[in-house]
Amino acid sequence: MTVLRFIWLALAIWGAIHPMSYFMGYMDETGTGLSGLIDAWYVNDSTIGLTWDLTIAAITLTVWILAETLVRKNWMALLAIPATFCIGVSCGLPLYLFFRSSPVR
């Protein structure tokens, strides 16, 4: 594995664990679970703006993944789509770059 591929993988793991620790901490602290976390995304204009920013980035990344996967036939890269929407762009983008940077066969 090249150094760059290792960096993408490390960033994907960090992007999965680090933000999730804050989400889990918030849900434990408030006791509201996932619905309370989602409600917090819409509490003021600042969080609404950030929510839309990340949503648009996730949709853009998904379109890019789909377009390139159809051309490159790298079907494993499709795993970055559920990672993006279930974990976040901080995991999905570096995970996609990890898959995309694999050697061409």
N, C-alpha and C. Protein backbone atom coordinates (compact mmCIF):
# COMPACT_ATOMS: atom_id res chain seq x y z
N MET A 1 0.85 -1.17 0.00
CA MET A 1 0.00 0.00 0.00
C MET A 1 0.90 1.23 0.00
N THR A 2 0.56 2.19 -0.86
CA THR A 2 1.35 3.41 -0.94
C THR A 2 1.08 4.29 0.28
N VAL A 3 1.96 5.24 0.49
CA VAL A 3 1.79 6.17 1.60
C VAL A 3 0.49 6.96 1.45
N LEU A 4 0.19 7.39 0.23
CA LEU A 4 -1.03 8.16 0.01
C LEU A 4 -2.28 7.33 0.31
N ARG A 5 -2.31 6.07 -0.10
CA ARG A 5 -3.46 5.21 0.20
C ARG A 5 -3.60 5.02 1.71
N PHE A 6 -2.46 4.87 2.40
CA PHE A 6 -2.49 4.74 3.86
C PHE A 6 -3.06 6.00 4.50
N ILE A 7 -2.68 7.16 3.99
CA ILE A 7 -3.21 8.43 4.52
C ILE A 7 -4.72 8.51 4.31
N TRP A 8 -5.21 8.13 3.11
CA TRP A 8 -6.66 8.15 2.86
C TRP A 8 -7.38 7.23 3.83
N LEU A 9 -6.85 6.04 4.04
CA LEU A 9 -7.48 5.08 4.95
C LEU A 9 -7.47 5.59 6.38
N ALA A 10 -6.35 6.16 6.80
CA ALA A 10 -6.26 6.71 8.16
C ALA A 10 -7.26 7.86 8.35
N LEU A 11 -7.38 8.72 7.34
CA LEU A 11 -8.35 9.82 7.43
C LEU A 11 -9.79 9.31 7.46
N ALA A 12 -10.08 8.25 6.72
CA ALA A 12 -11.42 7.67 6.74
C ALA A 12 -11.75 7.11 8.12
N ILE A 13 -10.78 6.43 8.72
CA ILE A 13 -11.00 5.89 10.07
C ILE A 13 -11.17 7.01 11.08
N TRP A 14 -10.31 8.01 11.00
CA TRP A 14 -10.42 9.16 11.89
C TRP A 14 -11.77 9.87 11.67
N GLY A 15 -12.16 10.01 10.40
CA GLY A 15 -13.42 10.66 10.07
C GLY A 15 -14.64 9.89 10.52
N ALA A 16 -14.48 8.61 10.78
CA ALA A 16 -15.57 7.81 11.32
C ALA A 16 -15.61 7.88 12.85
N ILE A 17 -14.46 7.77 13.48
CA ILE A 17 -14.40 7.67 14.94
C ILE A 17 -14.53 9.02 15.64
N HIS A 18 -13.80 10.01 15.21
CA HIS A 18 -13.76 11.30 15.91
C HIS A 18 -15.14 11.98 15.98
N PRO A 19 -15.79 12.22 14.84
CA PRO A 19 -17.11 12.86 14.93
C PRO A 19 -18.13 12.00 15.68
N MET A 20 -18.05 10.68 15.49
CA MET A 20 -19.01 9.79 16.14
C MET A 20 -18.89 9.86 17.66
N SER A 21 -17.68 10.09 18.16
CA SER A 21 -17.51 10.20 19.61
C SER A 21 -18.28 11.40 20.15
N TYR A 22 -18.34 12.48 19.40
CA TYR A 22 -19.11 13.65 19.82
C TYR A 22 -20.61 13.38 19.73
N PHE A 23 -21.02 12.70 18.66
CA PHE A 23 -22.44 12.38 18.50
C PHE A 23 -22.91 11.47 19.63
N MET A 24 -22.13 10.44 19.92
CA MET A 24 -22.50 9.51 20.99
C MET A 24 -22.52 10.21 22.34
N GLY A 25 -21.52 11.07 22.57
CA GLY A 25 -21.49 11.83 23.82
C GLY A 25 -22.72 12.72 23.99
N TYR A 26 -23.12 13.37 22.91
CA TYR A 26 -24.30 14.23 22.95
C TYR A 26 -25.56 13.41 23.24
N MET A 27 -25.69 12.28 22.56
CA MET A 27 -26.88 11.45 22.77
C MET A 27 -26.91 10.87 24.19
N ASP A 28 -25.75 10.49 24.73
CA ASP A 28 -25.69 10.00 26.11
C ASP A 28 -26.03 11.10 27.09
N GLU A 29 -25.50 12.30 26.85
CA GLU A 29 -25.71 13.43 27.75
C GLU A 29 -27.17 13.86 27.79
N THR A 30 -27.81 13.92 26.64
CA THR A 30 -29.19 14.41 26.59
C THR A 30 -30.21 13.29 26.75
N GLY A 31 -29.80 12.06 26.47
CA GLY A 31 -30.73 10.94 26.58
C GLY A 31 -31.81 10.94 25.52
N THR A 32 -31.61 11.70 24.45
CA THR A 32 -32.65 11.82 23.42
C THR A 32 -32.44 10.89 22.24
N GLY A 33 -31.28 10.27 22.16
CA GLY A 33 -31.01 9.35 21.05
C GLY A 33 -30.82 10.07 19.73
N LEU A 34 -30.99 9.31 18.66
CA LEU A 34 -30.76 9.83 17.32
C LEU A 34 -31.74 10.94 16.97
N SER A 35 -32.99 10.81 17.39
CA SER A 35 -33.97 11.86 17.05
C SER A 35 -33.61 13.19 17.70
N GLY A 36 -33.06 13.16 18.89
CA GLY A 36 -32.61 14.39 19.54
C GLY A 36 -31.41 15.00 18.84
N LEU A 37 -30.53 14.14 18.34
CA LEU A 37 -29.36 14.62 17.60
C LEU A 37 -29.82 15.30 16.31
N ILE A 38 -30.74 14.69 15.62
CA ILE A 38 -31.25 15.29 14.38
C ILE A 38 -31.98 16.60 14.68
N ASP A 39 -32.75 16.65 15.75
CA ASP A 39 -33.41 17.90 16.14
C ASP A 39 -32.40 19.01 16.40
N ALA A 40 -31.25 18.65 16.97
CA ALA A 40 -30.21 19.65 17.27
C ALA A 40 -29.61 20.25 16.00
N TRP A 41 -29.71 19.55 14.89
CA TRP A 41 -29.19 20.06 13.63
C TRP A 41 -30.00 21.26 13.13
N TYR A 42 -31.18 21.43 13.66
CA TYR A 42 -32.09 22.49 13.18
C TYR A 42 -32.45 23.48 14.28
N VAL A 43 -31.56 23.65 15.25
CA VAL A 43 -31.87 24.49 16.40
C VAL A 43 -31.70 25.98 16.12
N ASN A 44 -30.81 26.36 15.21
CA ASN A 44 -30.64 27.77 14.86
C ASN A 44 -30.08 27.88 13.44
N ASP A 45 -29.98 29.10 12.95
CA ASP A 45 -29.53 29.30 11.57
C ASP A 45 -28.11 28.78 11.31
N SER A 46 -27.26 28.85 12.32
CA SER A 46 -25.89 28.37 12.16
C SER A 46 -25.86 26.86 11.93
N THR A 47 -26.57 26.11 12.75
CA THR A 47 -26.57 24.65 12.59
C THR A 47 -27.35 24.23 11.34
N ILE A 48 -28.39 24.97 11.00
CA ILE A 48 -29.13 24.67 9.77
C ILE A 48 -28.22 24.87 8.55
N GLY A 49 -27.46 25.96 8.54
CA GLY A 49 -26.53 26.22 7.45
C GLY A 49 -25.48 25.13 7.34
N LEU A 50 -24.93 24.70 8.47
CA LEU A 50 -23.93 23.64 8.46
C LEU A 50 -24.55 22.32 7.99
N THR A 51 -25.77 22.05 8.42
CA THR A 51 -26.46 20.83 8.00
C THR A 51 -26.64 20.82 6.49
N TRP A 52 -27.08 21.94 5.93
CA TRP A 52 -27.26 22.01 4.47
C TRP A 52 -25.92 21.95 3.74
N ASP A 53 -24.90 22.57 4.29
CA ASP A 53 -23.57 22.52 3.69
C ASP A 53 -23.10 21.08 3.57
N LEU A 54 -23.23 20.32 4.64
CA LEU A 54 -22.79 18.92 4.62
C LEU A 54 -23.70 18.05 3.76
N THR A 55 -24.99 18.36 3.72
CA THR A 55 -25.91 17.60 2.87
C THR A 55 -25.57 17.79 1.40
N ILE A 56 -25.33 19.02 1.01
CA ILE A 56 -24.98 19.31 -0.39
C ILE A 56 -23.63 18.66 -0.74
N ALA A 57 -22.68 18.71 0.19
CA ALA A 57 -21.38 18.06 -0.04
C ALA A 57 -21.56 16.54 -0.19
N ALA A 58 -22.42 15.94 0.62
CA ALA A 58 -22.66 14.50 0.55
C ALA A 58 -23.33 14.11 -0.76
N ILE A 59 -24.28 14.91 -1.22
CA ILE A 59 -24.94 14.63 -2.49
C ILE A 59 -23.95 14.77 -3.64
N THR A 60 -23.13 15.81 -3.59
CA THR A 60 -22.11 16.03 -4.63
C THR A 60 -21.13 14.86 -4.67
N LEU A 61 -20.67 14.42 -3.52
CA LEU A 61 -19.76 13.29 -3.45
C LEU A 61 -20.42 12.03 -4.01
N THR A 62 -21.69 11.83 -3.71
CA THR A 62 -22.41 10.66 -4.21
C THR A 62 -22.50 10.67 -5.73
N VAL A 63 -22.81 11.81 -6.30
CA VAL A 63 -22.87 11.92 -7.78
C VAL A 63 -21.51 11.62 -8.37
N TRP A 64 -20.45 12.16 -7.78
CA TRP A 64 -19.10 11.91 -8.26
C TRP A 64 -18.74 10.42 -8.17
N ILE A 65 -19.06 9.80 -7.04
CA ILE A 65 -18.77 8.38 -6.86
C ILE A 65 -19.50 7.56 -7.92
N LEU A 66 -20.78 7.83 -8.12
CA LEU A 66 -21.56 7.08 -9.10
C LEU A 66 -21.00 7.27 -10.52
N ALA A 67 -20.70 8.51 -10.88
CA ALA A 67 -20.19 8.79 -12.22
C ALA A 67 -18.86 8.09 -12.46
N GLU A 68 -17.96 8.16 -11.51
CA GLU A 68 -16.64 7.53 -11.70
C GLU A 68 -16.69 6.02 -11.60
N THR A 69 -17.58 5.50 -10.77
CA THR A 69 -17.69 4.05 -10.64
C THR A 69 -18.19 3.43 -11.93
N LEU A 70 -19.11 4.10 -12.60
CA LEU A 70 -19.60 3.57 -13.87
C LEU A 70 -18.50 3.53 -14.93
N VAL A 71 -17.58 4.48 -14.88
CA VAL A 71 -16.48 4.52 -15.85
C VAL A 71 -15.36 3.56 -15.44
N ARG A 72 -14.96 3.61 -14.18
CA ARG A 72 -13.80 2.84 -13.72
C ARG A 72 -14.12 1.40 -13.34
N LYS A 73 -15.40 1.10 -13.14
CA LYS A 73 -15.86 -0.25 -12.75
C LYS A 73 -15.23 -0.70 -11.43
N ASN A 74 -14.98 0.24 -10.55
CA ASN A 74 -14.43 -0.05 -9.23
C ASN A 74 -15.61 -0.13 -8.25
N TRP A 75 -16.28 -1.27 -8.23
CA TRP A 75 -17.54 -1.40 -7.50
C TRP A 75 -17.36 -1.28 -6.00
N MET A 76 -16.21 -1.59 -5.46
CA MET A 76 -15.97 -1.44 -4.02
C MET A 76 -16.09 0.01 -3.59
N ALA A 77 -15.82 0.93 -4.50
CA ALA A 77 -15.90 2.36 -4.17
C ALA A 77 -17.32 2.77 -3.79
N LEU A 78 -18.30 1.99 -4.20
CA LEU A 78 -19.70 2.30 -3.84
C LEU A 78 -19.93 2.23 -2.33
N LEU A 79 -19.05 1.55 -1.61
CA LEU A 79 -19.17 1.50 -0.15
C LEU A 79 -19.02 2.88 0.49
N ALA A 80 -18.43 3.80 -0.23
CA ALA A 80 -18.26 5.15 0.31
C ALA A 80 -19.59 5.90 0.40
N ILE A 81 -20.60 5.47 -0.38
CA ILE A 81 -21.90 6.16 -0.33
C ILE A 81 -22.60 5.91 1.00
N PRO A 82 -22.81 4.66 1.44
CA PRO A 82 -23.42 4.50 2.77
C PRO A 82 -22.55 5.07 3.89
N ALA A 83 -21.23 5.01 3.72
CA ALA A 83 -20.35 5.61 4.74
C ALA A 83 -20.59 7.11 4.83
N THR A 84 -20.82 7.75 3.70
CA THR A 84 -21.07 9.19 3.68
C THR A 84 -22.36 9.55 4.39
N PHE A 85 -23.43 8.81 4.11
CA PHE A 85 -24.74 9.16 4.68
C PHE A 85 -24.98 8.59 6.07
N CYS A 86 -24.30 7.51 6.43
CA CYS A 86 -24.47 6.93 7.76
C CYS A 86 -23.47 7.47 8.77
N ILE A 87 -22.30 7.85 8.30
CA ILE A 87 -21.25 8.36 9.20
C ILE A 87 -21.00 9.83 8.94
N GLY A 88 -20.68 10.19 7.70
CA GLY A 88 -20.46 11.58 7.35
C GLY A 88 -19.47 11.73 6.21
N VAL A 89 -19.42 12.93 5.69
CA VAL A 89 -18.49 13.25 4.59
C VAL A 89 -17.05 13.07 5.06
N SER A 90 -16.81 13.30 6.34
CA SER A 90 -15.44 13.16 6.87
C SER A 90 -14.94 11.73 6.79
N CYS A 91 -15.82 10.77 6.66
CA CYS A 91 -15.43 9.38 6.46
C CYS A 91 -15.58 8.98 4.99
N GLY A 92 -16.69 9.38 4.37
CA GLY A 92 -16.99 8.96 3.00
C GLY A 92 -16.00 9.45 1.97
N LEU A 93 -15.58 10.71 2.06
CA LEU A 93 -14.64 11.25 1.07
C LEU A 93 -13.28 10.57 1.13
N PRO A 94 -12.62 10.50 2.29
CA PRO A 94 -11.33 9.81 2.27
C PRO A 94 -11.45 8.31 1.97
N LEU A 95 -12.58 7.69 2.33
CA LEU A 95 -12.78 6.29 1.99
C LEU A 95 -12.87 6.12 0.48
N TYR A 96 -13.61 7.01 -0.18
CA TYR A 96 -13.68 6.95 -1.64
C TYR A 96 -12.31 7.17 -2.27
N LEU A 97 -11.55 8.13 -1.75
CA LEU A 97 -10.22 8.39 -2.29
C LEU A 97 -9.30 7.18 -2.07
N PHE A 98 -9.49 6.47 -0.97
CA PHE A 98 -8.74 5.24 -0.74
C PHE A 98 -9.05 4.22 -1.82
N PHE A 99 -10.33 3.99 -2.09
CA PHE A 99 -10.72 3.03 -3.13
C PHE A 99 -10.27 3.51 -4.52
N ARG A 100 -10.40 4.80 -4.77
CA ARG A 100 -10.07 5.35 -6.08
C ARG A 100 -8.57 5.27 -6.37
N SER A 101 -7.76 5.33 -5.35
CA SER A 101 -6.31 5.33 -5.55
C SER A 101 -5.71 3.93 -5.63
N SER A 102 -6.58 2.92 -5.68
CA SER A 102 -6.05 1.56 -5.82
C SER A 102 -5.42 1.39 -7.19
N PRO A 103 -4.46 0.50 -7.31
CA PRO A 103 -3.80 0.29 -8.61
C PRO A 103 -4.81 -0.14 -9.68
N VAL A 104 -4.64 0.37 -10.89
CA VAL A 104 -5.52 0.02 -12.00
C VAL A 104 -5.11 -1.36 -12.51
N ARG A 105 -6.11 -2.19 -12.76
CA ARG A 105 -5.82 -3.55 -13.23
C ARG A 105 -6.01 -3.66 -14.71
